[in-house]
């Protein structure tokens, strides 16, 4: 994988790629807006120009708002989700960001099958409307409550039923996979997991990884990020996954707790050859 981190935009969105370059990293993830608000102010042309210049030569991934849920039983939430995703797609386009990660959402009272259909329908309506926008990456989940995406097949079902598979890829989070029951603790379990990724999603459709150790047990259906080697996944499994040849060239982005520098320290651990 290509080593990267989730990086802060404090002091201006252009500071994020500058920090990545300072750390010697070729990829990273940002929030282009407050991920816990429905409405955000527009990015100024001056800020866009600064970011564009600072991010040259980097692969930047954005993460969409956590509030987006096209499978909601509340029509108002679905409508707000449409507006929020459209705004994010356009922000990414203006910033030249290649990939946009989104949590699939929760089906609540609708049921899994209906929830998947609602998500794929919304994506079919929205994604083609932003010409030359980012590829949307569906992120797997740990499976708490009625969240969709804890099984890889659920992600595949959304993409397959969207009728626009060329505009949709995947982002795999290791802590979420661990919480959902996928074991990635050593060479053997990583090999099985990578085979599952290939068989169900196709590794060529995976455009980013979120790399995290976990504070909770495998199959707990919970999502609690931890520093590499300090959790229940362990450093060996994360190193094996990071160094898997089939995943070469895919951004591997640390989302561990703490500061940018702490996440960069975690990433250094994965680059040490076993």
Protein backbone atom coordinates (compact mmCIF):
# COMPACT_ATOMS: atom_id res chain seq x y z
CA UNK A 1 0.00 0.00 0.00
CA UNK A 2 0.91 3.66 -0.25
CA UNK A 3 1.42 4.96 3.31
CA UNK A 4 -0.77 7.86 4.43
CA UNK A 5 -2.71 9.33 7.34
CA UNK A 6 -5.90 11.20 8.06
CA UNK A 7 -4.58 14.74 8.37
CA UNK A 8 -5.94 17.86 10.04
CA UNK A 9 -7.05 20.92 8.05
CA UNK A 10 -6.58 23.27 11.02
CA UNK A 11 -5.50 26.73 9.94
CA UNK A 12 -6.68 26.23 6.37
CA UNK A 13 -7.45 23.31 4.09
CA UNK A 14 -4.15 23.81 2.23
CA UNK A 15 -2.22 22.96 5.40
CA UNK A 16 -3.25 19.31 5.14
CA UNK A 17 -1.26 18.46 1.98
CA UNK A 18 1.62 20.57 3.22
CA UNK A 19 1.71 18.46 6.39
CA UNK A 20 1.66 15.26 4.34
CA UNK A 21 4.66 16.46 2.35
CA UNK A 22 6.44 17.48 5.55
CA UNK A 23 5.94 13.92 6.83
CA UNK A 24 7.14 12.41 3.54
CA UNK A 25 3.75 10.84 2.77
CA UNK A 26 2.24 10.51 -0.71
CA UNK A 27 -1.40 10.14 0.29
CA UNK A 28 -3.81 11.23 2.99
CA UNK A 29 -7.43 11.82 3.93
CA UNK A 30 -9.15 15.05 4.92
CA UNK A 31 -12.56 16.42 5.79
CA UNK A 32 -13.41 19.23 3.37
CA UNK A 33 -16.09 20.42 5.81
CA UNK A 34 -17.44 19.70 9.28
CA UNK A 35 -18.50 16.04 9.06
CA UNK A 36 -21.14 16.44 11.77
CA UNK A 37 -23.07 19.33 10.19
CA UNK A 38 -25.60 19.29 7.38
CA UNK A 39 -24.65 22.68 5.99
CA UNK A 40 -21.18 24.16 5.55
CA UNK A 41 -19.84 27.35 4.03
CA UNK A 42 -18.30 27.30 0.57
CA UNK A 43 -14.54 27.09 0.12
CA UNK A 44 -13.19 30.32 -1.29
CA UNK A 45 -11.44 30.44 -4.68
CA UNK A 46 -8.24 31.54 -2.92
CA UNK A 47 -8.35 28.53 -0.60
CA UNK A 48 -9.02 26.22 -3.56
CA UNK A 49 -6.00 27.63 -5.40
CA UNK A 50 -3.75 27.17 -2.36
CA UNK A 51 -4.94 23.60 -1.85
CA UNK A 52 -4.53 22.72 -5.53
CA UNK A 53 -0.94 23.91 -5.52
CA UNK A 54 -0.07 22.28 -2.19
CA UNK A 55 -1.57 18.90 -3.15
CA UNK A 56 0.29 18.44 -6.44
CA UNK A 57 1.77 14.94 -6.61
CA UNK A 58 -0.40 13.61 -3.77
CA UNK A 59 -3.41 11.27 -3.72
CA UNK A 60 -5.99 12.99 -1.53
CA UNK A 61 -9.08 11.21 -0.21
CA UNK A 62 -12.03 13.05 1.36
CA UNK A 63 -14.49 11.65 3.88
CA UNK A 64 -18.15 12.65 3.54
CA UNK A 65 -20.40 13.68 6.41
CA UNK A 66 -21.27 11.03 8.97
CA UNK A 67 -24.87 12.30 8.89
CA UNK A 68 -25.60 11.08 5.35
CA UNK A 69 -28.09 8.22 5.31
CA UNK A 70 -30.02 7.47 2.13
CA UNK A 71 -31.64 4.45 3.81
CA UNK A 72 -33.26 6.50 6.56
CA UNK A 73 -36.92 6.04 7.38
CA UNK A 74 -37.14 9.84 7.72
CA UNK A 75 -37.71 11.53 4.30
CA UNK A 76 -36.19 14.77 5.64
CA UNK A 77 -32.93 12.97 6.42
CA UNK A 78 -32.87 11.45 2.94
CA UNK A 79 -33.41 14.87 1.37
CA UNK A 80 -30.69 16.45 3.51
CA UNK A 81 -28.40 13.55 2.61
CA UNK A 82 -28.90 14.27 -1.10
CA UNK A 83 -27.97 17.91 -0.62
CA UNK A 84 -24.97 17.11 1.60
CA UNK A 85 -23.50 14.52 -0.78
CA UNK A 86 -24.01 16.77 -3.80
CA UNK A 87 -22.21 19.61 -2.02
CA UNK A 88 -19.36 17.28 -1.05
CA UNK A 89 -19.03 15.94 -4.59
CA UNK A 90 -18.73 19.48 -5.90
CA UNK A 91 -16.22 20.48 -3.22
CA UNK A 92 -14.08 17.49 -4.15
CA UNK A 93 -14.35 18.37 -7.83
CA UNK A 94 -13.25 21.97 -7.20
CA UNK A 95 -10.33 20.78 -5.08
CA UNK A 96 -9.25 18.08 -7.53
CA UNK A 97 -9.83 15.31 -4.96
CA UNK A 98 -9.92 11.88 -6.57
CA UNK A 99 -11.83 9.77 -4.03
CA UNK A 100 -14.71 10.40 -1.61
CA UNK A 101 -15.43 7.92 1.20
CA UNK A 102 -18.98 7.48 2.47
CA UNK A 103 -20.54 5.24 5.12
CA UNK A 104 -23.47 3.41 3.49
CA UNK A 105 -25.95 4.30 6.24
CA UNK A 106 -28.49 2.44 8.38
CA UNK A 107 -31.72 0.84 7.16
CA UNK A 108 -33.56 1.40 10.46
CA UNK A 109 -37.13 0.12 9.95
CA UNK A 110 -36.85 -0.41 6.19
CA UNK A 111 -34.90 -3.66 6.34
CA UNK A 112 -31.58 -4.54 4.74
CA UNK A 113 -32.79 -5.24 1.19
CA UNK A 114 -34.86 -2.06 1.03
CA UNK A 115 -32.01 -0.05 2.55
CA UNK A 116 -29.57 -1.25 -0.10
CA UNK A 117 -32.08 -0.36 -2.82
CA UNK A 118 -32.59 3.13 -1.36
CA UNK A 119 -28.85 3.79 -1.26
CA UNK A 120 -28.17 2.54 -4.77
CA UNK A 121 -31.09 4.57 -6.16
CA UNK A 122 -29.81 7.77 -4.53
CA UNK A 123 -26.30 7.20 -5.84
CA UNK A 124 -27.63 6.53 -9.34
CA UNK A 125 -29.43 9.88 -9.19
CA UNK A 126 -26.59 11.93 -7.74
CA UNK A 127 -23.20 10.71 -8.92
CA UNK A 128 -23.65 11.23 -12.69
CA UNK A 129 -24.88 14.79 -12.07
CA UNK A 130 -21.35 15.93 -11.13
CA UNK A 131 -19.27 15.53 -14.27
CA UNK A 132 -15.63 14.65 -13.60
CA UNK A 133 -16.35 14.38 -9.88
CA UNK A 134 -14.64 11.99 -7.48
CA UNK A 135 -15.15 8.24 -7.36
CA UNK A 136 -17.40 7.43 -4.40
CA UNK A 137 -15.95 4.79 -2.08
CA UNK A 138 -18.38 2.77 0.02
CA UNK A 139 -16.82 2.02 3.41
CA UNK A 140 -17.44 -1.21 5.28
CA UNK A 141 -18.92 -0.96 8.77
CA UNK A 142 -18.58 -2.83 12.06
CA UNK A 143 -22.27 -3.74 12.03
CA UNK A 144 -23.71 -1.86 15.00
CA UNK A 145 -27.48 -1.54 15.02
CA UNK A 146 -28.97 -1.54 11.52
CA UNK A 147 -25.90 -0.16 9.76
CA UNK A 148 -25.38 -1.50 6.25
CA UNK A 149 -22.01 -2.75 5.03
CA UNK A 150 -20.65 -5.02 7.73
CA UNK A 151 -20.72 -7.88 5.23
CA UNK A 152 -18.70 -7.31 2.08
CA UNK A 153 -21.61 -8.67 0.05
CA UNK A 154 -23.72 -5.69 1.14
CA UNK A 155 -21.21 -3.23 -0.32
CA UNK A 156 -21.10 -5.23 -3.54
CA UNK A 157 -24.91 -5.26 -3.71
CA UNK A 158 -25.09 -1.46 -3.53
CA UNK A 159 -22.54 -1.03 -6.32
CA UNK A 160 -23.95 -3.79 -8.48
CA UNK A 161 -27.52 -2.45 -8.30
CA UNK A 162 -26.53 1.18 -8.88
CA UNK A 163 -26.11 0.79 -12.67
CA UNK A 164 -23.09 3.12 -12.40
CA UNK A 165 -20.32 0.80 -11.09
CA UNK A 166 -17.66 2.91 -12.82
CA UNK A 167 -18.44 5.75 -10.39
CA UNK A 168 -18.31 3.60 -7.24
CA UNK A 169 -15.48 1.79 -5.49
CA UNK A 170 -14.69 0.65 -1.97
CA UNK A 171 -12.76 1.74 1.12
CA UNK A 172 -11.95 -1.02 3.62
CA UNK A 173 -11.49 -0.15 7.29
CA UNK A 174 -9.56 -2.74 9.29
CA UNK A 175 -11.17 -1.91 12.65
CA UNK A 176 -14.62 -2.12 11.07
CA UNK A 177 -13.78 -5.44 9.39
CA UNK A 178 -12.47 -6.79 12.70
CA UNK A 179 -15.63 -5.66 14.51
CA UNK A 180 -17.74 -7.35 11.83
CA UNK A 181 -15.99 -10.69 12.32
CA UNK A 182 -13.27 -10.71 9.64
CA UNK A 183 -10.02 -11.91 11.19
CA UNK A 184 -6.81 -10.17 10.06
CA UNK A 185 -4.46 -10.99 12.91
CA UNK A 186 -1.70 -12.98 11.17
CA UNK A 187 -0.41 -14.11 7.79
CA UNK A 188 -2.96 -16.91 7.41
CA UNK A 189 -6.04 -14.87 8.35
CA UNK A 190 -4.87 -11.94 6.21
CA UNK A 191 -4.52 -14.29 3.24
CA UNK A 192 -8.10 -15.50 3.73
CA UNK A 193 -9.35 -11.92 4.10
CA UNK A 194 -7.61 -10.74 0.92
CA UNK A 195 -9.11 -13.70 -0.96
CA UNK A 196 -12.55 -12.63 0.29
CA UNK A 197 -11.92 -9.07 -0.86
CA UNK A 198 -10.96 -10.31 -4.31
CA UNK A 199 -13.83 -12.76 -4.63
CA UNK A 200 -16.59 -10.43 -3.39
CA UNK A 201 -15.42 -6.91 -4.25
CA UNK A 202 -12.48 -7.31 -6.60
CA UNK A 203 -9.25 -5.81 -5.25
CA UNK A 204 -9.08 -3.56 -8.30
CA UNK A 205 -12.25 -1.83 -7.09
CA UNK A 206 -10.76 -1.07 -3.65
CA UNK A 207 -9.29 2.43 -3.88
CA UNK A 208 -8.38 3.05 -0.22
CA UNK A 209 -7.86 1.37 3.13
CA UNK A 210 -8.45 2.86 6.56
CA UNK A 211 -5.83 1.24 8.76
CA UNK A 212 -6.63 0.96 12.45
CA UNK A 213 -6.02 -1.43 15.28
CA UNK A 214 -9.06 -2.07 17.48
CA UNK A 215 -9.87 -1.67 21.16
CA UNK A 216 -12.61 -4.33 20.95
CA UNK A 217 -12.80 -8.03 20.16
CA UNK A 218 -13.36 -9.53 16.74
CA UNK A 219 -17.06 -9.86 15.86
CA UNK A 220 -18.03 -7.41 18.63
CA UNK A 221 -19.97 -5.29 16.08
CA UNK A 222 -18.28 -2.27 17.61
CA UNK A 223 -15.88 0.32 16.17
CA UNK A 224 -13.12 1.56 18.47
CA UNK A 225 -9.85 2.65 16.85
CA UNK A 226 -6.51 1.96 18.54
CA UNK A 227 -2.83 2.59 17.78
CA UNK A 228 -1.10 -0.12 15.76
CA UNK A 229 0.09 -3.01 17.92
CA UNK A 230 -1.86 -1.88 21.00
CA UNK A 231 -5.19 -3.47 20.10
CA UNK A 232 -6.85 -6.79 19.41
CA UNK A 233 -5.85 -6.95 15.74
CA UNK A 234 -2.15 -6.58 16.45
CA UNK A 235 0.83 -5.30 14.51
CA UNK A 236 1.55 -8.58 12.68
CA UNK A 237 -1.81 -8.69 10.95
CA UNK A 238 -1.75 -5.02 9.98
CA UNK A 239 1.79 -5.33 8.64
CA UNK A 240 0.85 -8.40 6.59
CA UNK A 241 -2.13 -6.62 5.09
CA UNK A 242 -0.19 -3.43 4.38
CA UNK A 243 2.58 -5.36 2.64
CA UNK A 244 0.30 -7.68 0.61
CA UNK A 245 1.40 -7.50 -3.07
CA UNK A 246 -2.20 -7.69 -4.35
CA UNK A 247 -2.91 -4.40 -2.56
CA UNK A 248 0.16 -2.58 -3.82
CA UNK A 249 -0.53 0.97 -4.98
CA UNK A 250 -3.68 1.43 -2.89
CA UNK A 251 -3.64 4.30 -0.34
CA UNK A 252 -3.39 2.91 3.18
CA UNK A 253 -4.49 5.67 5.53
CA UNK A 254 -3.98 5.54 9.29
CA UNK A 255 -7.00 6.79 11.24
CA UNK A 256 -5.59 6.03 14.67
CA UNK A 257 -6.21 8.33 17.66
CA UNK A 258 -4.21 11.43 18.44
CA UNK A 259 -2.32 13.92 16.30
CA UNK A 260 -1.04 13.86 12.74
CA UNK A 261 2.44 13.10 14.06
CA UNK A 262 1.15 10.19 16.16
CA UNK A 263 -0.62 8.72 13.14
CA UNK A 264 2.58 9.10 11.13
CA UNK A 265 4.45 7.20 13.86
CA UNK A 266 1.90 4.41 13.57
CA UNK A 267 2.37 4.32 9.81
CA UNK A 268 6.14 3.94 10.21
CA UNK A 269 5.50 0.68 12.10
CA UNK A 270 3.73 -0.83 9.11
CA UNK A 271 6.57 0.01 6.76
CA UNK A 272 9.07 -2.01 8.80
CA UNK A 273 9.68 -5.27 6.95
CA UNK A 274 8.75 -8.39 8.88
